[in-house]
Amino acid sequence: MRKTDDTPLWVFLAFSSIESRKGALILIGCSFIFSLYCIPWVLFFNQFEWVSTLFLIDDWEWLIMMAPITAWYWLSLRWVDKHSAW
């Protein structure tokens, strides 16, 4: 990402090491997938043994952290697209 004078700090920090839009989309996709993994599925499907083996998270703390981070990346991508900063 190119740093210009009008680029906000929050956008620059999100994509300071990302070179392309494709890289940013991969970062956002991975963050979204990990956010889905962070849902405590064990609380909903505790009758299945494989769910507790596959999904190790049993509280909401990780999801509470990952949701704003994913939204931050997505909003930063929207700002960069709108201002043609790639």
PDB file of N, CA and C in Angstrom:
ATOM      1  N   MET A   1       0.835  -1.173   0.000  1.00  0.00           N
ATOM      2  CA  MET A   1       0.000   0.000   0.000  1.00  0.00           C
ATOM      3  C   MET A   1       0.883   1.241   0.000  1.00  0.00           C
ATOM      4  N   ARG A   2       0.497   2.193  -0.772  1.00  0.00           N
ATOM      5  CA  ARG A   2       1.231   3.459  -0.815  1.00  0.00           C
ATOM      6  C   ARG A   2       0.754   4.367   0.316  1.00  0.00           C
ATOM      7  N   LYS A   3       1.717   4.898   1.050  1.00  0.00           N
ATOM      8  CA  LYS A   3       1.390   5.854   2.128  1.00  0.00           C
ATOM      9  C   LYS A   3       1.412   7.254   1.541  1.00  0.00           C
ATOM     10  N   THR A   4       0.270   7.914   1.582  1.00  0.00           N
ATOM     11  CA  THR A   4       0.173   9.297   1.138  1.00  0.00           C
ATOM     12  C   THR A   4      -0.053  10.192   2.351  1.00  0.00           C
ATOM     13  N   ASP A   5      -0.069  11.474   2.105  1.00  0.00           N
ATOM     14  CA  ASP A   5      -0.259  12.419   3.207  1.00  0.00           C
ATOM     15  C   ASP A   5      -1.658  12.355   3.813  1.00  0.00           C
ATOM     16  N   ASP A   6      -2.651  11.957   3.001  1.00  0.00           N
ATOM     17  CA  ASP A   6      -4.020  11.922   3.515  1.00  0.00           C
ATOM     18  C   ASP A   6      -4.442  10.538   4.015  1.00  0.00           C
ATOM     19  N   THR A   7      -3.527   9.562   4.028  1.00  0.00           N
ATOM     20  CA  THR A   7      -3.845   8.228   4.538  1.00  0.00           C
ATOM     21  C   THR A   7      -3.920   8.275   6.065  1.00  0.00           C
ATOM     22  N   PRO A   8      -5.058   7.888   6.635  1.00  0.00           N
ATOM     23  CA  PRO A   8      -5.163   7.879   8.102  1.00  0.00           C
ATOM     24  C   PRO A   8      -4.243   6.820   8.707  1.00  0.00           C
ATOM     25  N   LEU A   9      -3.857   7.040   9.923  1.00  0.00           N
ATOM     26  CA  LEU A   9      -2.949   6.114  10.600  1.00  0.00           C
ATOM     27  C   LEU A   9      -3.584   4.740  10.762  1.00  0.00           C
ATOM     28  N   TRP A  10      -4.890   4.682  11.043  1.00  0.00           N
ATOM     29  CA  TRP A  10      -5.547   3.391  11.249  1.00  0.00           C
ATOM     30  C   TRP A  10      -5.563   2.561   9.974  1.00  0.00           C
ATOM     31  N   VAL A  11      -5.608   3.193   8.819  1.00  0.00           N
ATOM     32  CA  VAL A  11      -5.552   2.456   7.551  1.00  0.00           C
ATOM     33  C   VAL A  11      -4.125   2.001   7.280  1.00  0.00           C
ATOM     34  N   PHE A  12      -3.173   2.881   7.513  1.00  0.00           N
ATOM     35  CA  PHE A  12      -1.777   2.526   7.278  1.00  0.00           C
ATOM     36  C   PHE A  12      -1.339   1.376   8.178  1.00  0.00           C
ATOM     37  N   LEU A  13      -1.749   1.375   9.434  1.00  0.00           N
ATOM     38  CA  LEU A  13      -1.378   0.295  10.344  1.00  0.00           C
ATOM     39  C   LEU A  13      -2.001  -1.035   9.941  1.00  0.00           C
ATOM     40  N   ALA A  14      -3.181  -1.001   9.360  1.00  0.00           N
ATOM     41  CA  ALA A  14      -3.829  -2.243   8.943  1.00  0.00           C
ATOM     42  C   ALA A  14      -3.095  -2.906   7.788  1.00  0.00           C
ATOM     43  N   PHE A  15      -2.619  -2.112   6.831  1.00  0.00           N
ATOM     44  CA  PHE A  15      -2.031  -2.677   5.618  1.00  0.00           C
ATOM     45  C   PHE A  15      -0.602  -2.211   5.378  1.00  0.00           C
ATOM     46  N   SER A  16       0.150  -1.915   6.398  1.00  0.00           N
ATOM     47  CA  SER A  16       1.499  -1.392   6.197  1.00  0.00           C
ATOM     48  C   SER A  16       2.422  -2.394   5.515  1.00  0.00           C
ATOM     49  N   SER A  17       2.221  -3.671   5.734  1.00  0.00           N
ATOM     50  CA  SER A  17       3.082  -4.676   5.101  1.00  0.00           C
ATOM     51  C   SER A  17       2.390  -5.423   3.965  1.00  0.00           C
ATOM     52  N   ILE A  18       1.210  -5.005   3.584  1.00  0.00           N
ATOM     53  CA  ILE A  18       0.468  -5.638   2.490  1.00  0.00           C
ATOM     54  C   ILE A  18       0.754  -4.852   1.215  1.00  0.00           C
ATOM     55  N   GLU A  19       1.153  -5.558   0.169  1.00  0.00           N
ATOM     56  CA  GLU A  19       1.554  -4.900  -1.075  1.00  0.00           C
ATOM     57  C   GLU A  19       0.422  -4.720  -2.081  1.00  0.00           C
ATOM     58  N   SER A  20      -0.614  -5.572  -2.004  1.00  0.00           N
ATOM     59  CA  SER A  20      -1.642  -5.547  -3.044  1.00  0.00           C
ATOM     60  C   SER A  20      -3.026  -5.722  -2.435  1.00  0.00           C
ATOM     61  N   ARG A  21      -4.016  -5.470  -3.255  1.00  0.00           N
ATOM     62  CA  ARG A  21      -5.406  -5.652  -2.831  1.00  0.00           C
ATOM     63  C   ARG A  21      -5.691  -7.135  -2.598  1.00  0.00           C
ATOM     64  N   LYS A  22      -5.097  -7.989  -3.427  1.00  0.00           N
ATOM     65  CA  LYS A  22      -5.282  -9.430  -3.265  1.00  0.00           C
ATOM     66  C   LYS A  22      -4.762  -9.887  -1.903  1.00  0.00           C
ATOM     67  N   GLY A  23      -3.620  -9.359  -1.482  1.00  0.00           N
ATOM     68  CA  GLY A  23      -3.085  -9.692  -0.168  1.00  0.00           C
ATOM     69  C   GLY A  23      -3.997  -9.227   0.952  1.00  0.00           C
ATOM     70  N   ALA A  24      -4.595  -8.052   0.776  1.00  0.00           N
ATOM     71  CA  ALA A  24      -5.527  -7.547   1.782  1.00  0.00           C
ATOM     72  C   ALA A  24      -6.776  -8.418   1.848  1.00  0.00           C
ATOM     73  N   LEU A  25      -7.261  -8.865   0.684  1.00  0.00           N
ATOM     74  CA  LEU A  25      -8.435  -9.742   0.674  1.00  0.00           C
ATOM     75  C   LEU A  25      -8.130 -11.092   1.332  1.00  0.00           C
ATOM     76  N   ILE A  26      -6.927 -11.598   1.130  1.00  0.00           N
ATOM     77  CA  ILE A  26      -6.535 -12.848   1.790  1.00  0.00           C
ATOM     78  C   ILE A  26      -6.485 -12.651   3.300  1.00  0.00           C
ATOM     79  N   LEU A  27      -5.929 -11.519   3.743  1.00  0.00           N
ATOM     80  CA  LEU A  27      -5.882 -11.218   5.175  1.00  0.00           C
ATOM     81  C   LEU A  27      -7.282 -11.124   5.769  1.00  0.00           C
ATOM     82  N   ILE A  28      -8.184 -10.447   5.088  1.00  0.00           N
ATOM     83  CA  ILE A  28      -9.561 -10.304   5.575  1.00  0.00           C
ATOM     84  C   ILE A  28     -10.264 -11.653   5.575  1.00  0.00           C
ATOM     85  N   GLY A  29     -10.058 -12.446   4.537  1.00  0.00           N
ATOM     86  CA  GLY A  29     -10.675 -13.774   4.482  1.00  0.00           C
ATOM     87  C   GLY A  29     -10.196 -14.673   5.605  1.00  0.00           C
ATOM     88  N   CYS A  30      -8.894 -14.681   5.862  1.00  0.00           N
ATOM     89  CA  CYS A  30      -8.355 -15.490   6.963  1.00  0.00           C
ATOM     90  C   CYS A  30      -8.872 -15.007   8.311  1.00  0.00           C
ATOM     91  N   SER A  31      -8.965 -13.697   8.476  1.00  0.00           N
ATOM     92  CA  SER A  31      -9.505 -13.160   9.729  1.00  0.00           C
ATOM     93  C   SER A  31     -10.963 -13.554   9.921  1.00  0.00           C
ATOM     94  N   PHE A  32     -11.733 -13.524   8.835  1.00  0.00           N
ATOM     95  CA  PHE A  32     -13.140 -13.910   8.921  1.00  0.00           C
ATOM     96  C   PHE A  32     -13.285 -15.400   9.252  1.00  0.00           C
ATOM     97  N   ILE A  33     -12.491 -16.234   8.601  1.00  0.00           N
ATOM     98  CA  ILE A  33     -12.559 -17.676   8.873  1.00  0.00           C
ATOM     99  C   ILE A  33     -12.151 -17.969  10.316  1.00  0.00           C
ATOM    100  N   PHE A  34     -11.102 -17.314  10.781  1.00  0.00           N
ATOM    101  CA  PHE A  34     -10.700 -17.522  12.169  1.00  0.00           C
ATOM    102  C   PHE A  34     -11.756 -16.993  13.141  1.00  0.00           C
ATOM    103  N   SER A  35     -12.444 -15.915  12.759  1.00  0.00           N
ATOM    104  CA  SER A  35     -13.536 -15.413  13.599  1.00  0.00           C
ATOM    105  C   SER A  35     -14.646 -16.445  13.712  1.00  0.00           C
ATOM    106  N   LEU A  36     -14.960 -17.113  12.599  1.00  0.00           N
ATOM    107  CA  LEU A  36     -15.970 -18.174  12.657  1.00  0.00           C
ATOM    108  C   LEU A  36     -15.508 -19.329  13.532  1.00  0.00           C
ATOM    109  N   TYR A  37     -14.223 -19.649  13.465  1.00  0.00           N
ATOM    110  CA  TYR A  37     -13.690 -20.704  14.322  1.00  0.00           C
ATOM    111  C   TYR A  37     -13.782 -20.317  15.794  1.00  0.00           C
ATOM    112  N   CYS A  38     -13.687 -19.026  16.092  1.00  0.00           N
ATOM    113  CA  CYS A  38     -13.683 -18.557  17.478  1.00  0.00           C
ATOM    114  C   CYS A  38     -15.056 -18.566  18.133  1.00  0.00           C
ATOM    115  N   ILE A  39     -16.090 -18.821  17.377  1.00  0.00           N
ATOM    116  CA  ILE A  39     -17.415 -18.974  17.987  1.00  0.00           C
ATOM    117  C   ILE A  39     -17.367 -20.218  18.871  1.00  0.00           C
ATOM    118  N   PRO A  40     -17.820 -20.147  20.097  1.00  0.00           N
ATOM    119  CA  PRO A  40     -17.750 -21.324  20.980  1.00  0.00           C
ATOM    120  C   PRO A  40     -18.781 -22.389  20.593  1.00  0.00           C
ATOM    121  N   TRP A  41     -18.488 -23.101  19.543  1.00  0.00           N
ATOM    122  CA  TRP A  41     -19.408 -24.117  19.026  1.00  0.00           C
ATOM    123  C   TRP A  41     -19.681 -25.215  20.044  1.00  0.00           C
ATOM    124  N   VAL A  42     -18.768 -25.415  20.974  1.00  0.00           N
ATOM    125  CA  VAL A  42     -18.949 -26.447  21.999  1.00  0.00           C
ATOM    126  C   VAL A  42     -20.173 -26.158  22.858  1.00  0.00           C
ATOM    127  N   LEU A  43     -20.483 -24.898  23.079  1.00  0.00           N
ATOM    128  CA  LEU A  43     -21.651 -24.546  23.891  1.00  0.00           C
ATOM    129  C   LEU A  43     -22.960 -24.916  23.197  1.00  0.00           C
ATOM    130  N   PHE A  44     -22.937 -24.937  21.871  1.00  0.00           N
ATOM    131  CA  PHE A  44     -24.158 -25.233  21.115  1.00  0.00           C
ATOM    132  C   PHE A  44     -24.299 -26.718  20.769  1.00  0.00           C
ATOM    133  N   PHE A  45     -23.168 -27.387  20.542  1.00  0.00           N
ATOM    134  CA  PHE A  45     -23.189 -28.788  20.114  1.00  0.00           C
ATOM    135  C   PHE A  45     -22.381 -29.658  21.065  1.00  0.00           C
ATOM    136  N   ASN A  46     -22.649 -29.554  22.350  1.00  0.00           N
ATOM    137  CA  ASN A  46     -21.877 -30.306  23.331  1.00  0.00           C
ATOM    138  C   ASN A  46     -22.205 -31.799  23.343  1.00  0.00           C
ATOM    139  N   GLN A  47     -23.254 -32.220  22.688  1.00  0.00           N
ATOM    140  CA  GLN A  47     -23.588 -33.638  22.655  1.00  0.00           C
ATOM    141  C   GLN A  47     -22.712 -34.416  21.667  1.00  0.00           C
ATOM    142  N   PHE A  48     -21.992 -33.718  20.794  1.00  0.00           N
ATOM    143  CA  PHE A  48     -21.116 -34.373  19.828  1.00  0.00           C
ATOM    144  C   PHE A  48     -19.667 -34.290  20.309  1.00  0.00           C
ATOM    145  N   GLU A  49     -19.037 -35.437  20.431  1.00  0.00           N
ATOM    146  CA  GLU A  49     -17.651 -35.489  20.919  1.00  0.00           C
ATOM    147  C   GLU A  49     -16.672 -34.838  19.949  1.00  0.00           C
ATOM    148  N   TRP A  50     -16.915 -34.986  18.657  1.00  0.00           N
ATOM    149  CA  TRP A  50     -15.970 -34.457  17.664  1.00  0.00           C
ATOM    150  C   TRP A  50     -15.939 -32.931  17.659  1.00  0.00           C
ATOM    151  N   VAL A  51     -17.036 -32.289  18.075  1.00  0.00           N
ATOM    152  CA  VAL A  51     -17.060 -30.827  18.125  1.00  0.00           C
ATOM    153  C   VAL A  51     -16.105 -30.321  19.204  1.00  0.00           C
ATOM    154  N   SER A  52     -16.111 -30.960  20.361  1.00  0.00           N
ATOM    155  CA  SER A  52     -15.204 -30.532  21.423  1.00  0.00           C
ATOM    156  C   SER A  52     -13.756 -30.879  21.110  1.00  0.00           C
ATOM    157  N   THR A  53     -13.519 -31.850  20.249  1.00  0.00           N
ATOM    158  CA  THR A  53     -12.157 -32.181  19.834  1.00  0.00           C
ATOM    159  C   THR A  53     -11.654 -31.203  18.773  1.00  0.00           C
ATOM    160  N   LEU A  54     -12.508 -30.840  17.832  1.00  0.00           N
ATOM    161  CA  LEU A  54     -12.113 -29.966  16.730  1.00  0.00           C
ATOM    162  C   LEU A  54     -12.084 -28.500  17.143  1.00  0.00           C
ATOM    163  N   PHE A  55     -13.076 -28.056  17.874  1.00  0.00           N
ATOM    164  CA  PHE A  55     -13.177 -26.662  18.295  1.00  0.00           C
ATOM    165  C   PHE A  55     -12.799 -26.571  19.768  1.00  0.00           C
ATOM    166  N   LEU A  56     -11.620 -26.020  20.029  1.00  0.00           N
ATOM    167  CA  LEU A  56     -11.090 -26.006  21.391  1.00  0.00           C
ATOM    168  C   LEU A  56     -11.544 -24.804  22.198  1.00  0.00           C
ATOM    169  N   ILE A  57     -12.149 -23.833  21.558  1.00  0.00           N
ATOM    170  CA  ILE A  57     -12.551 -22.607  22.243  1.00  0.00           C
ATOM    171  C   ILE A  57     -13.932 -22.809  22.867  1.00  0.00           C
ATOM    172  N   ASP A  58     -14.027 -22.529  24.168  1.00  0.00           N
ATOM    173  CA  ASP A  58     -15.299 -22.742  24.851  1.00  0.00           C
ATOM    174  C   ASP A  58     -15.829 -21.492  25.540  1.00  0.00           C
ATOM    175  N   ASP A  59     -15.320 -20.307  25.143  1.00  0.00           N
ATOM    176  CA  ASP A  59     -15.866 -19.058  25.667  1.00  0.00           C
ATOM    177  C   ASP A  59     -15.859 -18.013  24.543  1.00  0.00           C
ATOM    178  N   TRP A  60     -16.384 -16.845  24.848  1.00  0.00           N
ATOM    179  CA  TRP A  60     -16.599 -15.813  23.832  1.00  0.00           C
ATOM    180  C   TRP A  60     -15.435 -14.841  23.695  1.00  0.00           C
ATOM    181  N   GLU A  61     -14.376 -14.983  24.467  1.00  0.00           N
ATOM    182  CA  GLU A  61     -13.298 -13.994  24.489  1.00  0.00           C
ATOM    183  C   GLU A  61     -12.610 -13.812  23.138  1.00  0.00           C
ATOM    184  N   TRP A  62     -12.299 -14.897  22.463  1.00  0.00           N
ATOM    185  CA  TRP A  62     -11.603 -14.792  21.171  1.00  0.00           C
ATOM    186  C   TRP A  62     -12.485 -14.135  20.115  1.00  0.00           C
ATOM    187  N   LEU A  63     -13.747 -14.470  20.099  1.00  0.00           N
ATOM    188  CA  LEU A  63     -14.645 -13.863  19.112  1.00  0.00           C
ATOM    189  C   LEU A  63     -14.807 -12.368  19.372  1.00  0.00           C
ATOM    190  N   ILE A  64     -14.873 -11.989  20.636  1.00  0.00           N
ATOM    191  CA  ILE A  64     -14.994 -10.571  20.981  1.00  0.00           C
ATOM    192  C   ILE A  64     -13.768  -9.792  20.505  1.00  0.00           C
ATOM    193  N   MET A  65     -12.613 -10.433  20.452  1.00  0.00           N
ATOM    194  CA  MET A  65     -11.408  -9.783  19.952  1.00  0.00           C
ATOM    195  C   MET A  65     -11.337  -9.821  18.427  1.00  0.00           C
ATOM    196  N   MET A  66     -11.703 -10.925  17.815  1.00  0.00           N
ATOM    197  CA  MET A  66     -11.532 -11.097  16.372  1.00  0.00           C
ATOM    198  C   MET A  66     -12.554 -10.323  15.549  1.00  0.00           C
ATOM    199  N   ALA A  67     -13.747 -10.143  16.031  1.00  0.00           N
ATOM    200  CA  ALA A  67     -14.772  -9.424  15.266  1.00  0.00           C
ATOM    201  C   ALA A  67     -14.372  -7.973  14.985  1.00  0.00           C
ATOM    202  N   PRO A  68     -13.898  -7.195  15.975  1.00  0.00           N
ATOM    203  CA  PRO A  68     -13.473  -5.831  15.654  1.00  0.00           C
ATOM    204  C   PRO A  68     -12.239  -5.776  14.755  1.00  0.00           C
ATOM    205  N   ILE A  69     -11.337  -6.730  14.900  1.00  0.00           N
ATOM    206  CA  ILE A  69     -10.150  -6.746  14.048  1.00  0.00           C
ATOM    207  C   ILE A  69     -10.538  -6.989  12.602  1.00  0.00           C
ATOM    208  N   THR A  70     -11.437  -7.927  12.368  1.00  0.00           N
ATOM    209  CA  THR A  70     -11.906  -8.200  11.007  1.00  0.00           C
ATOM    210  C   THR A  70     -12.639  -6.990  10.442  1.00  0.00           C
ATOM    211  N   ALA A  71     -13.460  -6.336  11.254  1.00  0.00           N
ATOM    212  CA  ALA A  71     -14.157  -5.128  10.797  1.00  0.00           C
ATOM    213  C   ALA A  71     -13.157  -4.011  10.483  1.00  0.00           C
ATOM    214  N   TRP A  72     -12.100  -3.882  11.278  1.00  0.00           N
ATOM    215  CA  TRP A  72     -11.064  -2.878  11.035  1.00  0.00           C
ATOM    216  C   TRP A  72     -10.387  -3.107   9.686  1.00  0.00           C
ATOM    217  N   TYR A  73     -10.024  -4.349   9.392  1.00  0.00           N
ATOM    218  CA  TYR A  73      -9.415  -4.665   8.100  1.00  0.00           C
ATOM    219  C   TYR A  73     -10.377  -4.355   6.957  1.00  0.00           C
ATOM    220  N   TRP A  74     -11.638  -4.709   7.129  1.00  0.00           N
ATOM    221  CA  TRP A  74     -12.619  -4.490   6.065  1.00  0.00           C
ATOM    222  C   TRP A  74     -12.842  -2.999   5.824  1.00  0.00           C
ATOM    223  N   LEU A  75     -12.971  -2.224   6.902  1.00  0.00           N
ATOM    224  CA  LEU A  75     -13.142  -0.773   6.754  1.00  0.00           C
ATOM    225  C   LEU A  75     -11.901  -0.124   6.154  1.00  0.00           C
ATOM    226  N   SER A  76     -10.734  -0.614   6.500  1.00  0.00           N
ATOM    227  CA  SER A  76      -9.501  -0.096   5.908  1.00  0.00           C
ATOM    228  C   SER A  76      -9.451  -0.394   4.421  1.00  0.00           C
ATOM    229  N   LEU A  77      -9.880  -1.577   4.031  1.00  0.00           N
ATOM    230  CA  LEU A  77      -9.921  -1.918   2.603  1.00  0.00           C
ATOM    231  C   LEU A  77     -10.891  -1.016   1.859  1.00  0.00           C
ATOM    232  N   ARG A  78     -12.034  -0.731   2.457  1.00  0.00           N
ATOM    233  CA  ARG A  78     -12.988   0.189   1.813  1.00  0.00           C
ATOM    234  C   ARG A  78     -12.388   1.576   1.640  1.00  0.00           C
ATOM    235  N   TRP A  79     -11.648   2.063   2.652  1.00  0.00           N
ATOM    236  CA  TRP A  79     -11.028   3.376   2.542  1.00  0.00           C
ATOM    237  C   TRP A  79      -9.982   3.385   1.428  1.00  0.00           C
ATOM    238  N   VAL A  80      -9.161   2.353   1.373  1.00  0.00           N
ATOM    239  CA  VAL A  80      -8.106   2.284   0.361  1.00  0.00           C
ATOM    240  C   VAL A  80      -8.717   2.181  -1.026  1.00  0.00           C
ATOM    241  N   ASP A  81      -9.771   1.394  -1.188  1.00  0.00           N
ATOM    242  CA  ASP A  81     -10.440   1.290  -2.504  1.00  0.00           C
ATOM    243  C   ASP A  81     -11.047   2.617  -2.925  1.00  0.00           C
ATOM    244  N   LYS A  82     -11.647   3.299  -1.991  1.00  0.00           N
ATOM    245  CA  LYS A  82     -12.304   4.568  -2.308  1.00  0.00           C
ATOM    246  C   LYS A  82     -11.288   5.648  -2.694  1.00  0.00           C
ATOM    247  N   HIS A  83     -10.091   5.596  -2.111  1.00  0.00           N
ATOM    248  CA  HIS A  83      -9.092   6.627  -2.364  1.00  0.00           C
ATOM    249  C   HIS A  83      -7.967   6.160  -3.299  1.00  0.00           C
ATOM    250  N   SER A  84      -8.145   4.998  -3.915  1.00  0.00           N
ATOM    251  CA  SER A  84      -7.185   4.469  -4.900  1.00  0.00           C
ATOM    252  C   SER A  84      -5.745   4.502  -4.372  1.00  0.00           C
ATOM    253  N   ALA A  85      -5.539   3.923  -3.228  1.00  0.00           N
ATOM    254  CA  ALA A  85      -4.212   3.969  -2.620  1.00  0.00           C
ATOM    255  C   ALA A  85      -3.391   2.702  -2.873  1.00  0.00           C
ATOM    256  N   TRP A  86      -3.839   1.826  -3.729  1.00  0.00           N
ATOM    257  CA  TRP A  86      -3.019   0.664  -4.052  1.00  0.00           C
ATOM    258  C   TRP A  86      -2.021   1.079  -5.080  1.00  0.00           C
TER     259      TRP A  86
END
